[in-house]
Amino acid sequence: MRDFFTKRLSLAITLVMFVFGVMVATVLVAAVITFALQHLGIISNHSQLPVFPLITFLGFCILLGTSLTAFLSKKALNPIRTVIDATHKVAGGDFSVQVNIKGIGELEELSHSFNKMTQELSGIETLRSDFVNNFSHEFKTPIVSLRGFAKLLKENNLTEVERQEYLDIIITESERLAALSTNVLILSKYENLEIITEKAPFRLDEQIRKTIVLMEPK
């Protein structure tokens, strides 16, 4: 909690110190120019210039500007703090966070980009979850089938025809498992590739037709 407030205060303090430094630098530049003009004789040392009231006025401006900056810095830095809080939530796995910043063009663009990023991450997370669920189901089905037919083969009252049928099923399910593993390796390979050289036409309509035929009984 202490680090949290320290980080938040540092933003305001940095802005206040920056404004304070600019004002002090302005006063110093004005003083140097005044002394330089007096040294060159452009301004007489005995001329009645309101130096002390001028310095007092500049000091008052520094205090007033610094105070206003400290007072308004919270509101000015609120959009940045909003983005920081939203970023922490995204880092924690919450991809439903949305940032709505209005008024400043750059900050509006930042909020739009942030919202687009969270939508993309949410979609990727959904795809990942669906892939894990589907793959787990597809991987579990042949394993259960292999176990079941292997137990049946241990029985001694099977005919030769039944034994051969069960062996053929075991071979088919084993090939299915091998194909699934190969496809996963191919997906992993293509995820790490930037340029894909081996390309071939793919009939998406035929894939959809097969899927519909497969799901029709359900």
Foldseek 3Di string as FASTA:
>chain_A
DVVVVVVVVVQLVVQLVVLLVVLVVVVVVVVVVVVVCCVVVVDPPPDDDPVPVVVVVSVVVSVVVSVVSSVCVCVVCVLVVVVVVLVVVVVVPDLPDARCDDDDPVSRVVRVVSNVVSVVVVVVVVVVVVVVVVLVVQLVVLVVLLVVLVVVLPDDPDDPVSVVVSVVSNVVSVVSNVVSVVVVVVVVVVVPDPDDDDDDDDDPVVVVVVVCVVPVVD
